[in-house]
N, C-alpha and C. Protein backbone atom coordinates (compact mmCIF):
# COMPACT_ATOMS: atom_id res chain seq x y z
N UNK A 1 0.84 -1.18 0.00
CA UNK A 1 0.00 0.00 0.00
C UNK A 1 0.89 1.24 0.00
N UNK A 2 0.58 2.16 -0.88
CA UNK A 2 1.35 3.38 -1.04
C UNK A 2 0.83 4.45 -0.08
N UNK A 3 1.73 5.24 0.45
CA UNK A 3 1.35 6.37 1.29
C UNK A 3 0.40 7.25 0.48
N UNK A 4 -0.66 7.74 1.11
CA UNK A 4 -1.68 8.51 0.38
C UNK A 4 -1.15 9.82 -0.19
N UNK A 5 -0.21 10.45 0.48
CA UNK A 5 0.38 11.68 -0.04
C UNK A 5 1.23 11.38 -1.27
N UNK A 6 1.98 10.31 -1.21
CA UNK A 6 2.80 9.91 -2.36
C UNK A 6 1.90 9.54 -3.53
N UNK A 7 0.80 8.83 -3.27
CA UNK A 7 -0.13 8.46 -4.33
C UNK A 7 -0.73 9.70 -4.98
N UNK A 8 -1.11 10.69 -4.17
CA UNK A 8 -1.68 11.92 -4.71
C UNK A 8 -0.66 12.67 -5.57
N UNK A 9 0.58 12.71 -5.12
CA UNK A 9 1.63 13.35 -5.92
C UNK A 9 1.87 12.61 -7.23
N UNK A 10 1.79 11.30 -7.20
CA UNK A 10 1.94 10.52 -8.42
C UNK A 10 0.81 10.84 -9.41
N UNK A 11 -0.40 10.98 -8.90
CA UNK A 11 -1.56 11.31 -9.74
C UNK A 11 -1.38 12.71 -10.33
N UNK A 12 -0.99 13.67 -9.51
CA UNK A 12 -0.80 15.04 -9.99
C UNK A 12 0.30 15.10 -11.06
N UNK A 13 1.37 14.36 -10.85
CA UNK A 13 2.45 14.32 -11.82
C UNK A 13 1.99 13.69 -13.13
N UNK A 14 1.21 12.63 -13.03
CA UNK A 14 0.70 11.96 -14.25
C UNK A 14 -0.25 12.89 -15.01
N UNK A 15 -1.09 13.63 -14.31
CA UNK A 15 -1.99 14.58 -14.97
C UNK A 15 -1.21 15.73 -15.61
N UNK A 16 -0.16 16.13 -14.96
CA UNK A 16 0.64 17.24 -15.49
C UNK A 16 1.44 16.81 -16.72
N UNK A 17 1.81 15.56 -16.80
CA UNK A 17 2.68 15.09 -17.88
C UNK A 17 1.96 14.89 -19.20
N UNK A 18 0.64 14.83 -19.19
CA UNK A 18 -0.12 14.59 -20.42
C UNK A 18 -1.15 15.69 -20.60
N UNK A 19 -1.32 16.16 -21.82
CA UNK A 19 -2.32 17.20 -22.04
C UNK A 19 -3.74 16.67 -21.90
N UNK A 20 -4.65 17.55 -21.53
CA UNK A 20 -6.06 17.17 -21.44
C UNK A 20 -6.39 16.44 -20.16
N UNK A 21 -7.50 15.74 -20.21
CA UNK A 21 -7.99 15.01 -19.03
C UNK A 21 -7.74 13.53 -19.20
N UNK A 22 -7.77 12.81 -18.09
CA UNK A 22 -7.55 11.37 -18.10
C UNK A 22 -8.53 10.69 -17.16
N UNK A 23 -8.87 9.46 -17.49
CA UNK A 23 -9.78 8.70 -16.63
C UNK A 23 -8.99 8.09 -15.48
N UNK A 24 -9.72 7.64 -14.47
CA UNK A 24 -9.08 6.99 -13.32
C UNK A 24 -8.35 5.73 -13.76
N UNK A 25 -8.92 5.00 -14.70
CA UNK A 25 -8.27 3.78 -15.19
C UNK A 25 -6.96 4.11 -15.91
N UNK A 26 -6.96 5.17 -16.71
CA UNK A 26 -5.72 5.59 -17.38
C UNK A 26 -4.67 6.01 -16.36
N UNK A 27 -5.10 6.74 -15.34
CA UNK A 27 -4.16 7.17 -14.31
C UNK A 27 -3.62 6.00 -13.51
N UNK A 28 -4.47 5.03 -13.24
CA UNK A 28 -4.04 3.83 -12.53
C UNK A 28 -2.97 3.10 -13.34
N UNK A 29 -3.18 2.98 -14.63
CA UNK A 29 -2.22 2.31 -15.49
C UNK A 29 -0.91 3.06 -15.62
N UNK A 30 -0.97 4.38 -15.73
CA UNK A 30 0.26 5.15 -15.93
C UNK A 30 1.08 5.29 -14.65
N UNK A 31 0.42 5.26 -13.50
CA UNK A 31 1.16 5.39 -12.23
C UNK A 31 1.55 4.04 -11.63
N UNK A 32 0.87 2.99 -12.05
CA UNK A 32 1.13 1.68 -11.47
C UNK A 32 0.44 1.47 -10.14
N UNK A 33 -0.42 2.40 -9.75
CA UNK A 33 -1.15 2.26 -8.49
C UNK A 33 -2.38 1.39 -8.69
N UNK A 34 -2.78 0.64 -7.67
CA UNK A 34 -4.06 -0.09 -7.76
C UNK A 34 -5.22 0.90 -7.92
N UNK A 35 -6.29 0.43 -8.53
CA UNK A 35 -7.42 1.32 -8.82
C UNK A 35 -8.01 1.96 -7.56
N UNK A 36 -8.11 1.21 -6.46
CA UNK A 36 -8.68 1.79 -5.24
C UNK A 36 -7.80 2.90 -4.67
N UNK A 37 -6.48 2.74 -4.74
CA UNK A 37 -5.59 3.80 -4.27
C UNK A 37 -5.65 5.01 -5.20
N UNK A 38 -5.81 4.76 -6.49
CA UNK A 38 -5.96 5.85 -7.45
C UNK A 38 -7.21 6.66 -7.14
N UNK A 39 -8.31 5.96 -6.90
CA UNK A 39 -9.57 6.66 -6.60
C UNK A 39 -9.47 7.44 -5.29
N UNK A 40 -8.83 6.88 -4.29
CA UNK A 40 -8.65 7.58 -3.02
C UNK A 40 -7.81 8.83 -3.20
N UNK A 41 -6.73 8.73 -3.98
CA UNK A 41 -5.87 9.88 -4.24
C UNK A 41 -6.61 10.95 -5.05
N UNK A 42 -7.41 10.52 -6.02
CA UNK A 42 -8.20 11.48 -6.80
C UNK A 42 -9.23 12.18 -5.93
N UNK A 43 -9.88 11.44 -5.06
CA UNK A 43 -10.88 12.02 -4.17
C UNK A 43 -10.24 13.07 -3.27
N UNK A 44 -9.09 12.73 -2.68
CA UNK A 44 -8.41 13.67 -1.79
C UNK A 44 -7.92 14.89 -2.56
N UNK A 45 -7.42 14.69 -3.76
CA UNK A 45 -6.94 15.81 -4.57
C UNK A 45 -8.09 16.70 -5.02
N UNK A 46 -9.23 16.08 -5.29
CA UNK A 46 -10.41 16.85 -5.67
C UNK A 46 -10.91 17.68 -4.49
N UNK A 47 -10.92 17.09 -3.31
CA UNK A 47 -11.36 17.82 -2.11
C UNK A 47 -10.43 18.98 -1.79
N UNK A 48 -9.14 18.82 -2.13
CA UNK A 48 -8.17 19.89 -1.89
C UNK A 48 -8.20 20.96 -2.98
N UNK A 49 -8.97 20.73 -4.04
CA UNK A 49 -9.08 21.70 -5.11
C UNK A 49 -7.97 21.63 -6.14
N UNK A 50 -7.20 20.54 -6.14
CA UNK A 50 -6.09 20.39 -7.08
C UNK A 50 -6.51 19.71 -8.38
N UNK A 51 -7.57 18.93 -8.30
CA UNK A 51 -8.06 18.15 -9.44
C UNK A 51 -9.56 18.39 -9.56
N UNK A 52 -10.06 18.40 -10.79
CA UNK A 52 -11.49 18.57 -11.02
C UNK A 52 -11.99 17.50 -11.98
N UNK A 53 -13.23 17.08 -11.78
CA UNK A 53 -13.86 16.16 -12.72
C UNK A 53 -14.34 16.95 -13.92
N UNK A 54 -14.25 16.36 -15.08
CA UNK A 54 -14.78 17.01 -16.28
C UNK A 54 -15.51 15.96 -17.11
N UNK A 55 -16.44 16.38 -17.95
CA UNK A 55 -17.24 15.43 -18.72
C UNK A 55 -16.41 14.64 -19.73
N UNK A 56 -16.76 13.40 -19.86
CA UNK A 56 -16.18 12.53 -20.87
C UNK A 56 -16.96 12.79 -22.16
N UNK A 57 -16.28 13.10 -23.23
CA UNK A 57 -16.97 13.45 -24.48
C UNK A 57 -17.78 12.29 -25.05
N UNK A 58 -17.38 11.07 -24.74
CA UNK A 58 -18.11 9.91 -25.26
C UNK A 58 -19.38 9.62 -24.48
N UNK A 59 -19.34 9.86 -23.18
CA UNK A 59 -20.48 9.49 -22.33
C UNK A 59 -21.26 10.70 -21.83
N UNK A 60 -20.60 11.83 -21.70
CA UNK A 60 -21.27 13.05 -21.28
C UNK A 60 -21.36 13.27 -19.78
N UNK A 61 -20.93 12.33 -18.97
CA UNK A 61 -20.97 12.55 -17.52
C UNK A 61 -19.54 12.70 -17.01
N UNK A 62 -19.37 13.35 -15.86
CA UNK A 62 -18.01 13.60 -15.35
C UNK A 62 -17.29 12.29 -15.01
N UNK A 63 -16.43 11.87 -15.87
CA UNK A 63 -15.70 10.63 -15.64
C UNK A 63 -14.22 10.76 -15.89
N UNK A 64 -13.77 11.99 -16.15
CA UNK A 64 -12.36 12.22 -16.40
C UNK A 64 -11.87 13.29 -15.43
N UNK A 65 -10.58 13.36 -15.25
CA UNK A 65 -9.99 14.28 -14.29
C UNK A 65 -8.97 15.17 -14.97
N UNK A 66 -8.89 16.40 -14.52
CA UNK A 66 -7.89 17.34 -15.02
C UNK A 66 -7.38 18.16 -13.84
N UNK A 67 -6.23 18.78 -14.04
CA UNK A 67 -5.68 19.66 -13.01
C UNK A 67 -6.45 20.97 -12.99
N UNK A 68 -6.61 21.52 -11.82
CA UNK A 68 -7.14 22.88 -11.70
C UNK A 68 -5.95 23.84 -11.72
N UNK A 69 -6.22 25.11 -11.69
CA UNK A 69 -5.12 26.08 -11.66
C UNK A 69 -4.30 25.93 -10.38
N UNK A 70 -4.95 25.56 -9.30
CA UNK A 70 -4.23 25.36 -8.04
C UNK A 70 -3.31 24.15 -8.12
N UNK A 71 -3.66 23.18 -8.96
CA UNK A 71 -2.85 21.97 -9.10
C UNK A 71 -1.68 22.13 -10.05
N UNK A 72 -1.60 23.25 -10.73
CA UNK A 72 -0.52 23.47 -11.71
C UNK A 72 0.68 24.09 -11.04
N UNK A 73 1.20 23.47 -10.08
CA UNK A 73 2.37 23.93 -9.33
C UNK A 73 3.53 23.84 -10.22
């Protein structure tokens, strides 16, 4: 199990390294974190205002994540 702060930093780094938004599954694959740890890190980052959900163009509901201006450190 990865430390939650380290997991959140891994998620933020993965979002910063690729343009646009990414799904939780894509982030899980690119960071190597288990899906549940990815979701926990995304939830914590979203609560902190560093990450925001945005609509998936294929489905239309918020299923992708992007950095907010606060997350662009």
